[in-house]
Protein backbone atom coordinates (compact mmCIF):
# COMPACT_ATOMS: atom_id res chain seq x y z
CA MET A 1 36.24 -7.05 18.87
CA ASP A 2 37.15 -8.28 15.36
CA ASN A 3 36.42 -5.23 13.26
CA LYS A 4 35.67 -1.56 13.33
CA ILE A 5 33.26 -1.84 10.36
CA ILE A 6 31.54 -4.78 8.67
CA ILE A 7 30.28 -4.30 5.11
CA ILE A 8 27.58 -6.78 4.11
CA GLY A 9 27.74 -7.40 0.37
CA GLY A 10 30.46 -7.31 -2.26
CA GLY A 11 28.88 -5.28 -5.06
CA ALA A 12 29.47 -1.78 -6.41
CA SER A 13 28.52 0.23 -3.31
CA ALA A 14 30.38 -2.12 -0.94
CA LEU A 15 33.56 -2.08 -3.03
CA MET A 16 33.51 1.70 -3.40
CA LEU A 17 33.08 2.08 0.35
CA ALA A 18 35.95 -0.31 1.06
CA SER A 19 38.13 1.69 -1.34
CA LEU A 20 37.35 4.98 0.39
CA LEU A 21 37.87 3.80 3.98
CA PRO A 22 41.23 3.95 5.81
CA LYS A 23 43.34 0.78 5.70
CA HIS A 24 42.43 -2.18 7.89
CA THR A 25 39.17 -0.73 9.17
CA ALA A 26 36.62 -2.95 7.45
CA THR A 27 35.66 -6.51 6.55
CA ILE A 28 33.58 -7.22 3.45
CA ILE A 29 31.35 -10.30 3.78
CA GLU A 30 30.19 -11.65 0.41
CA SER A 31 28.11 -14.79 -0.16
CA ASN A 32 29.49 -15.37 -3.68
CA PRO A 33 32.86 -17.00 -4.45
CA LYS A 34 34.04 -13.61 -5.80
CA VAL A 35 33.08 -9.97 -5.28
CA GLY A 36 31.67 -7.77 -8.05
CA ALA A 37 29.71 -10.40 -9.99
CA LYS A 38 27.03 -7.92 -11.07
CA ILE A 39 29.60 -5.34 -12.19
CA LEU A 40 31.01 -7.83 -14.69
CA ILE A 41 27.69 -8.52 -16.42
CA SER A 42 26.37 -4.96 -16.47
CA GLY A 43 26.20 -2.76 -19.54
CA GLY A 44 26.70 -5.68 -21.89
CA GLY A 45 29.95 -6.53 -20.11
CA LYS A 46 31.30 -2.97 -20.42
CA CYS A 47 29.66 -1.51 -17.29
CA ASN A 48 27.69 1.71 -17.75
CA ILE A 49 29.39 3.67 -14.95
CA THR A 50 27.65 7.06 -15.02
CA ASN A 51 25.98 9.69 -17.20
CA THR A 52 26.69 13.30 -18.18
CA ARG A 53 23.03 14.09 -17.46
CA MET A 54 22.81 13.68 -13.72
CA GLY A 55 20.05 14.85 -11.42
CA THR A 56 17.29 13.69 -9.10
CA GLU A 57 14.82 13.61 -12.03
CA TYR A 58 16.52 10.42 -13.25
CA PHE A 59 15.73 8.57 -10.01
CA LEU A 60 12.67 7.03 -8.43
CA GLY A 61 12.89 7.94 -4.76
CA ASP A 62 12.84 10.91 -2.40
CA GLU A 63 14.49 13.80 -4.28
CA SER A 64 16.05 15.51 -1.27
CA PHE A 65 17.50 12.21 -0.06
CA VAL A 66 19.09 11.47 -3.44
CA GLN A 67 20.27 15.06 -3.89
CA GLN A 68 22.44 15.00 -0.74
CA SER A 69 24.70 12.22 -2.03
CA LEU A 70 24.76 13.43 -5.64
CA LYS A 71 25.93 16.85 -4.43
CA LYS A 72 28.73 15.33 -2.36
CA PHE A 73 29.97 12.98 -5.06
CA ASN A 74 28.57 13.65 -8.52
CA GLU A 75 29.49 12.19 -11.92
CA LYS A 76 32.41 14.63 -12.34
CA ALA A 77 33.87 13.68 -8.96
CA LEU A 78 33.45 9.99 -9.81
CA LEU A 79 35.23 10.38 -13.17
CA LYS A 80 38.10 12.24 -11.45
CA TRP A 81 38.39 9.47 -8.86
CA LEU A 82 38.48 6.83 -11.62
CA GLU A 83 41.10 8.78 -13.58
CA ARG A 84 43.29 8.84 -10.49
CA GLN A 85 43.03 5.05 -10.57
CA ASN A 86 44.05 5.16 -14.25
CA LEU A 87 40.61 4.30 -15.62
CA HIS A 88 39.37 6.57 -18.39
CA PRO A 89 35.74 5.76 -19.21
CA ILE A 90 34.54 6.21 -22.79
CA LEU A 91 31.50 8.30 -23.69
CA ARG A 92 28.97 6.31 -25.72
CA LYS A 93 25.33 6.85 -26.69
CA GLU A 94 25.95 10.62 -26.34
CA THR A 95 25.74 10.81 -22.54
CA GLN A 96 26.72 7.44 -21.06
CA TYR A 97 30.15 6.51 -19.70
CA PHE A 98 31.34 2.92 -20.11
CA CYS A 99 34.58 1.07 -19.46
CA LYS A 100 36.71 1.20 -22.62
CA ASP A 101 37.04 -2.54 -23.19
CA SER A 102 35.46 -4.45 -20.35
CA ALA A 103 33.79 -4.10 -16.94
CA LYS A 104 36.80 -5.99 -15.59
CA GLU A 105 38.76 -2.72 -15.80
CA LEU A 106 36.53 -1.23 -13.09
CA LEU A 107 36.43 -4.40 -11.03
CA ASP A 108 40.24 -4.65 -11.11
CA ILE A 109 40.46 -1.18 -9.53
CA PHE A 110 38.10 -2.22 -6.76
CA LEU A 111 39.94 -5.50 -6.19
CA LYS A 112 43.21 -3.60 -5.84
CA GLU A 113 41.68 -0.93 -3.58
CA SER A 114 39.76 -3.41 -1.42
CA LYS A 115 43.01 -5.18 -0.51
CA LYS A 116 43.30 -2.46 2.10
CA GLN A 117 40.47 -4.26 3.89
CA THR A 118 39.64 -7.87 4.79
CA VAL A 119 37.48 -9.63 2.19
CA SER A 120 35.65 -12.82 3.11
CA THR A 121 33.89 -14.65 0.24
CA ASN A 122 31.60 -17.71 0.26
CA GLU A 123 30.28 -16.42 3.57
CA LYS A 124 26.56 -15.92 4.02
CA VAL A 125 25.17 -13.50 6.59
CA LEU A 126 22.30 -15.09 8.54
CA GLU A 127 21.41 -12.33 11.00
CA VAL A 128 22.66 -9.17 12.67
CA THR A 129 22.00 -8.24 16.29
CA LYS A 130 23.27 -5.48 18.57
CA ARG A 131 24.11 -5.64 22.26
CA ASP A 132 25.92 -3.10 24.44
CA GLU A 133 26.97 -0.92 21.47
CA ILE A 134 28.46 -3.94 19.66
CA PHE A 135 27.04 -5.53 16.50
CA TYR A 136 27.08 -9.32 16.19
CA VAL A 137 27.01 -10.53 12.59
CA LYS A 138 26.20 -14.22 12.45
CA THR A 139 27.22 -16.03 9.26
CA ASN A 140 27.39 -19.65 8.11
CA LYS A 141 31.04 -19.64 9.28
CA LYS A 142 31.32 -17.59 12.48
CA ILE A 143 30.05 -14.63 14.48
CA HIS A 144 31.78 -11.33 13.68
CA THR A 145 31.67 -8.36 16.01
CA ALA A 146 31.98 -4.71 15.01
CA LYS A 147 31.27 -1.16 16.05
CA ALA A 148 29.43 -0.38 12.79
CA VAL A 149 27.61 -2.40 10.13
CA VAL A 150 27.01 -1.18 6.58
CA VAL A 151 24.29 -3.04 4.66
CA ALA A 152 25.32 -2.95 0.99
CA SER A 153 23.69 -6.21 -0.06
CA GLY A 154 21.74 -4.90 -3.05
CA GLY A 155 18.31 -6.04 -4.17
CA LEU A 156 16.63 -9.19 -5.47
CA SER A 157 17.62 -8.92 -9.14
CA PHE A 158 19.73 -11.67 -10.72
CA PRO A 159 19.22 -14.42 -8.12
CA LYS A 160 21.56 -16.61 -10.21
CA ILE A 161 24.48 -14.44 -9.04
CA GLY A 162 23.56 -14.61 -5.39
CA ALA A 163 20.98 -11.85 -4.90
CA SER A 164 19.05 -12.27 -1.67
CA SER A 165 16.67 -10.49 0.69
CA ILE A 166 19.14 -10.40 3.60
CA GLY A 167 19.46 -6.59 3.52
CA TYR A 168 15.72 -6.14 3.92
CA GLU A 169 15.61 -8.79 6.66
CA ILE A 170 18.35 -7.00 8.62
CA ALA A 171 16.56 -3.66 8.21
CA GLU A 172 13.24 -5.10 9.39
CA SER A 173 14.86 -6.81 12.36
CA PHE A 174 15.97 -3.35 13.54
CA GLY A 175 12.51 -1.84 13.06
CA HIS A 176 12.93 -0.34 9.60
CA THR A 177 10.11 -0.09 7.06
CA ILE A 178 10.58 -1.79 3.68
CA VAL A 179 8.88 -0.11 0.74
CA LYS A 180 7.37 -2.88 -1.40
CA THR A 181 9.98 -4.25 -3.78
CA ALA A 182 9.49 -5.12 -7.47
CA PRO A 183 11.65 -5.93 -10.50
CA ALA A 184 12.72 -2.77 -12.36
CA LEU A 185 14.54 -1.99 -15.61
CA VAL A 186 12.89 -5.12 -16.96
CA GLY A 187 10.71 -6.18 -19.90
CA PHE A 188 6.92 -6.44 -19.87
CA THR A 189 4.85 -9.56 -20.50
CA VAL A 190 1.65 -8.96 -22.44
CA GLN A 191 -2.04 -9.82 -22.35
CA LYS A 192 -3.78 -12.01 -24.93
CA GLU A 193 -4.68 -8.98 -27.10
CA GLN A 194 -0.97 -8.21 -27.58
CA PHE A 195 0.21 -11.78 -28.21
CA PHE A 196 0.91 -10.72 -31.80
CA PHE A 197 3.91 -8.79 -30.40
CA LYS A 198 5.65 -12.13 -29.86
CA GLU A 199 5.58 -12.86 -33.61
CA LEU A 200 7.78 -9.76 -34.05
CA SER A 201 10.47 -11.13 -31.70
CA GLY A 202 13.88 -9.62 -32.49
CA VAL A 203 12.50 -6.52 -34.25
CA SER A 204 13.26 -3.10 -32.75
CA THR A 205 11.57 0.28 -33.29
CA ASP A 206 11.86 3.72 -31.69
CA VAL A 207 8.99 4.72 -29.40
CA LYS A 208 7.88 7.14 -26.72
CA ILE A 209 6.18 5.51 -23.71
CA HIS A 210 3.93 7.35 -21.28
CA VAL A 211 3.58 5.85 -17.78
CA GLY A 212 1.52 8.25 -15.72
CA LYS A 213 3.39 11.58 -15.86
CA ASN A 214 6.65 9.95 -16.92
CA ILE A 215 7.88 9.75 -20.52
CA CYS A 216 10.47 7.19 -21.62
CA GLU A 217 12.00 7.42 -25.09
CA GLY A 218 14.22 5.08 -27.08
CA ALA A 219 14.10 1.66 -28.67
CA LEU A 220 11.41 -0.92 -28.01
CA LEU A 221 12.43 -4.51 -28.70
CA PHE A 222 9.78 -7.14 -29.39
CA ALA A 223 10.66 -10.34 -27.51
CA HIS A 224 9.40 -13.93 -27.01
CA LYS A 225 7.77 -12.98 -23.72
CA GLY A 226 6.51 -9.52 -24.73
CA ILE A 227 8.45 -6.27 -25.06
CA SER A 228 11.85 -5.11 -23.90
CA GLY A 229 14.49 -2.60 -25.01
CA PRO A 230 15.74 0.62 -23.36
CA ALA A 231 12.45 2.57 -23.49
CA VAL A 232 10.52 -0.36 -21.98
CA LEU A 233 13.11 -0.97 -19.26
CA ASP A 234 12.88 2.69 -18.22
CA ALA A 235 9.07 2.55 -18.30
CA SER A 236 9.09 -0.46 -15.95
CA LEU A 237 10.63 1.74 -13.27
CA TYR A 238 7.40 3.75 -13.03
CA TRP A 239 4.85 1.02 -13.75
CA ASP A 240 3.08 -0.96 -11.01
CA LYS A 241 -0.14 -1.97 -12.73
CA GLY A 242 -2.62 -0.54 -15.18
CA LYS A 243 -2.18 0.91 -18.64
CA ILE A 244 0.77 2.39 -20.43
CA GLU A 245 0.58 4.38 -23.67
CA ILE A 246 3.07 3.84 -26.49
CA ASP A 247 3.66 6.27 -29.33
CA PHE A 248 5.02 3.98 -32.03
CA LEU A 249 5.53 6.99 -34.33
CA PRO A 250 7.41 9.58 -32.23
CA ASN A 251 8.16 12.83 -34.09
CA PHE A 252 5.89 11.73 -36.96
CA SER A 253 3.36 14.22 -38.31
CA TRP A 254 0.11 12.83 -39.69
CA LYS A 255 -0.62 16.22 -41.26
CA SER A 256 2.53 16.06 -43.38
CA VAL A 257 1.34 12.84 -45.08
CA GLN A 258 -2.29 13.82 -45.51
CA GLY A 259 -3.58 12.60 -48.88
CA SER A 260 -0.42 10.57 -49.58
CA LYS A 261 -0.63 7.98 -52.33
CA LYS A 262 2.09 5.81 -50.74
CA GLN A 263 1.27 2.40 -49.30
CA ILE A 264 0.72 2.59 -45.52
CA SER A 265 3.53 0.10 -44.73
CA SER A 266 6.00 2.17 -46.82
CA LEU A 267 4.83 5.49 -45.43
CA LEU A 268 5.06 4.81 -41.70
CA PRO A 269 8.56 5.34 -40.20
CA MET A 270 8.76 1.91 -38.58
CA PRO A 271 9.96 -1.54 -39.71
CA LYS A 272 7.58 -2.98 -42.33
CA ARG A 273 7.10 -6.14 -40.26
CA VAL A 274 5.77 -4.00 -37.43
CA SER A 275 3.45 -1.84 -39.55
CA LYS A 276 2.06 -4.93 -41.33
CA ALA A 277 1.46 -6.71 -38.02
CA PHE A 278 -0.50 -3.72 -36.72
CA LEU A 279 -2.49 -3.45 -39.97
CA LEU A 280 -3.46 -7.09 -39.57
CA GLN A 281 -4.40 -6.47 -35.95
CA PHE A 282 -6.44 -3.39 -36.88
CA LYS A 283 -8.08 -5.36 -39.75
CA LEU A 284 -6.86 -2.75 -42.22
CA GLU A 285 -5.71 -3.38 -45.78
CA ASP A 286 -2.19 -2.22 -46.71
CA LYS A 287 -3.21 0.35 -49.32
CA PRO A 288 -2.39 3.96 -50.25
CA LEU A 289 -3.06 6.25 -47.28
CA HIS A 290 -5.45 8.53 -49.21
CA GLN A 291 -7.82 5.58 -49.77
CA LEU A 292 -8.51 5.15 -46.06
CA THR A 293 -11.93 6.14 -44.79
CA PRO A 294 -11.96 8.68 -41.92
CA GLN A 295 -12.78 5.82 -39.53
CA GLU A 296 -9.92 3.67 -40.87
CA LEU A 297 -7.51 6.61 -40.56
CA GLU A 298 -8.60 7.14 -36.96
CA THR A 299 -7.90 3.46 -36.24
CA LEU A 300 -4.45 3.71 -37.84
CA GLN A 301 -3.65 6.86 -35.87
CA THR A 302 -3.93 4.91 -32.60
CA LEU A 303 -0.31 3.92 -33.39
CA SER A 304 0.57 7.33 -31.96
CA HIS A 305 -1.21 6.56 -28.68
CA TYR A 306 -1.46 2.77 -28.44
CA SER A 307 -2.74 2.00 -24.95
CA PHE A 308 -2.72 -1.33 -23.14
CA ALA A 309 -2.03 -2.87 -19.73
CA PRO A 310 1.03 -5.15 -19.49
CA ALA A 311 0.30 -8.52 -17.88
CA GLY A 312 3.40 -8.17 -15.69
CA THR A 313 7.20 -8.10 -16.01
CA PHE A 314 9.87 -10.65 -16.92
CA GLY A 315 10.63 -10.89 -13.16
CA TYR A 316 13.71 -10.58 -10.97
CA ALA A 317 15.71 -13.08 -13.04
CA LYS A 318 15.75 -10.60 -15.95
CA ALA A 319 15.52 -7.33 -14.02
CA GLU A 320 18.61 -5.13 -13.91
CA VAL A 321 17.64 -3.67 -10.53
CA THR A 322 15.09 -3.87 -7.72
CA LYS A 323 12.88 -0.88 -6.92
CA GLY A 324 11.57 -0.32 -3.42
CA GLY A 325 13.65 -1.17 -0.37
CA VAL A 326 14.62 0.44 2.94
CA GLU A 327 12.44 3.51 3.58
CA THR A 328 14.75 6.52 3.12
CA SER A 329 12.91 8.77 5.62
CA GLU A 330 14.33 6.44 8.30
CA VAL A 331 17.93 6.97 7.12
CA ASP A 332 20.03 10.13 7.60
CA ASN A 333 20.79 11.44 4.11
CA SER A 334 23.95 13.21 5.25
CA THR A 335 25.56 10.04 6.66
CA MET A 336 23.53 7.02 5.39
CA MET A 337 23.14 5.95 9.02
CA SER A 338 19.88 4.57 10.36
CA LYS A 339 17.85 7.06 12.39
CA LYS A 340 16.72 4.12 14.52
CA VAL A 341 20.00 2.33 15.28
CA ASP A 342 23.30 4.07 15.90
CA GLY A 343 26.11 2.56 13.81
CA LEU A 344 23.84 0.81 11.27
CA TYR A 345 24.16 2.11 7.69
CA PHE A 346 22.44 1.41 4.36
CA ILE A 347 23.90 2.19 0.94
CA GLY A 348 23.20 1.41 -2.72
CA GLU A 349 20.32 -0.60 -4.12
CA VAL A 350 19.03 -1.90 -0.77
CA LEU A 351 17.57 1.58 -0.23
CA ASP A 352 14.33 2.81 -1.81
CA VAL A 353 16.23 4.68 -4.55
CA THR A 354 16.30 3.41 -8.13
CA GLY A 355 17.80 5.07 -11.18
CA ARG A 356 16.81 4.94 -14.81
CA LEU A 357 18.81 3.08 -17.43
CA GLY A 358 22.11 4.74 -18.32
CA GLY A 359 24.55 4.53 -15.41
CA TYR A 360 22.34 6.06 -12.76
CA ASN A 361 22.26 3.05 -10.45
CA PHE A 362 26.04 2.76 -10.41
CA GLN A 363 26.31 6.48 -9.72
CA TRP A 364 23.91 6.05 -6.80
CA ALA A 365 25.95 3.11 -5.48
CA PHE A 366 29.15 5.18 -5.58
CA SER A 367 27.61 8.43 -4.29
CA SER A 368 25.86 6.78 -1.36
CA ALA A 369 29.08 4.89 -0.51
CA TYR A 370 31.01 8.18 -0.51
CA THR A 371 28.46 9.80 1.83
CA CYS A 372 28.68 6.82 4.17
CA ALA A 373 32.50 6.67 4.10
CA LYS A 374 32.78 10.26 5.29
CA ASN A 375 30.86 9.38 8.45
CA VAL A 376 31.53 5.73 9.23
CA SER A 377 35.33 6.16 9.09
CA THR A 378 35.23 8.64 11.96
CA ARG A 379 33.61 6.17 14.36
CA GLU A 380 35.79 5.20 17.29
CA GLN A 381 36.93 1.66 17.95
């Protein structure tokens, strides 16, 4: 037998797992020419590693499943591990930890650590089968054999850097259920009624977005295709279809400006280009607020609860992550091993666990890898 453990994928969860395993126990199989491609482009090239606010409420997925791994290896444990590797992440945006200069700092640690294992790049996994307690991993180069297989192949986001559905295909071939996948942390395209948004491309304004029971706050960025920005990306995590509601005037009190003689576009706490575009859309004249009729004021106040249905999203090519994936009720949350197939593990984004914007998906990758490492390393040859 070639290996004790085969890790399919060369992203964040795979590299963390390889770093945590004993020397010479695993082989990473990566279809790209290099491992860690997504790490390098994340967080604007600085990699948003984790967040000081950590808990199951920041994830879409089964809470008890997520909780197990976060308890075993939380953000504090991750930061300590990184410090031992001489990486000291910087706190930005109040709660988010980033690499100081570049995501390469984190990748360099993983490249150094993963030297303990065998790394095979430019190798594409075609299928995985199991016979007589041995896994056979067929690739475009050879057939590997191993006692355990860890699927860490990620989701469908960023196909240009090698994303594929192989993880889901492997899971299904072993009888696992795949929760419907969709692009997440991604911008929304708009219907005809909101085409005027596109004329505001490049303008940003703070908003509060309601998607069902979920509230997402932060900047909304008007774009060529529709809307993007942190608040919108978070909202996309919870949206499947139907309406969303945007408060374009969060923390603004209409009562406090009652009877104001200021022009509407000067009074509203939003970029003038945005307020004027909405006035045009509402067929309202830009005049002193006190001159509005009750009906006109009511129309203007819809800015605090502007409701519409997005046409769709910008798709996997622009999505930071993929929501949906391997059904977590079929995976042991204390080991990350399949409940259906002994020795088959799933970690990271391939599972039906998706975090909000702000370092949560990297934390999940690292926490789930830690949970897996504790179990898979004890398996006998």
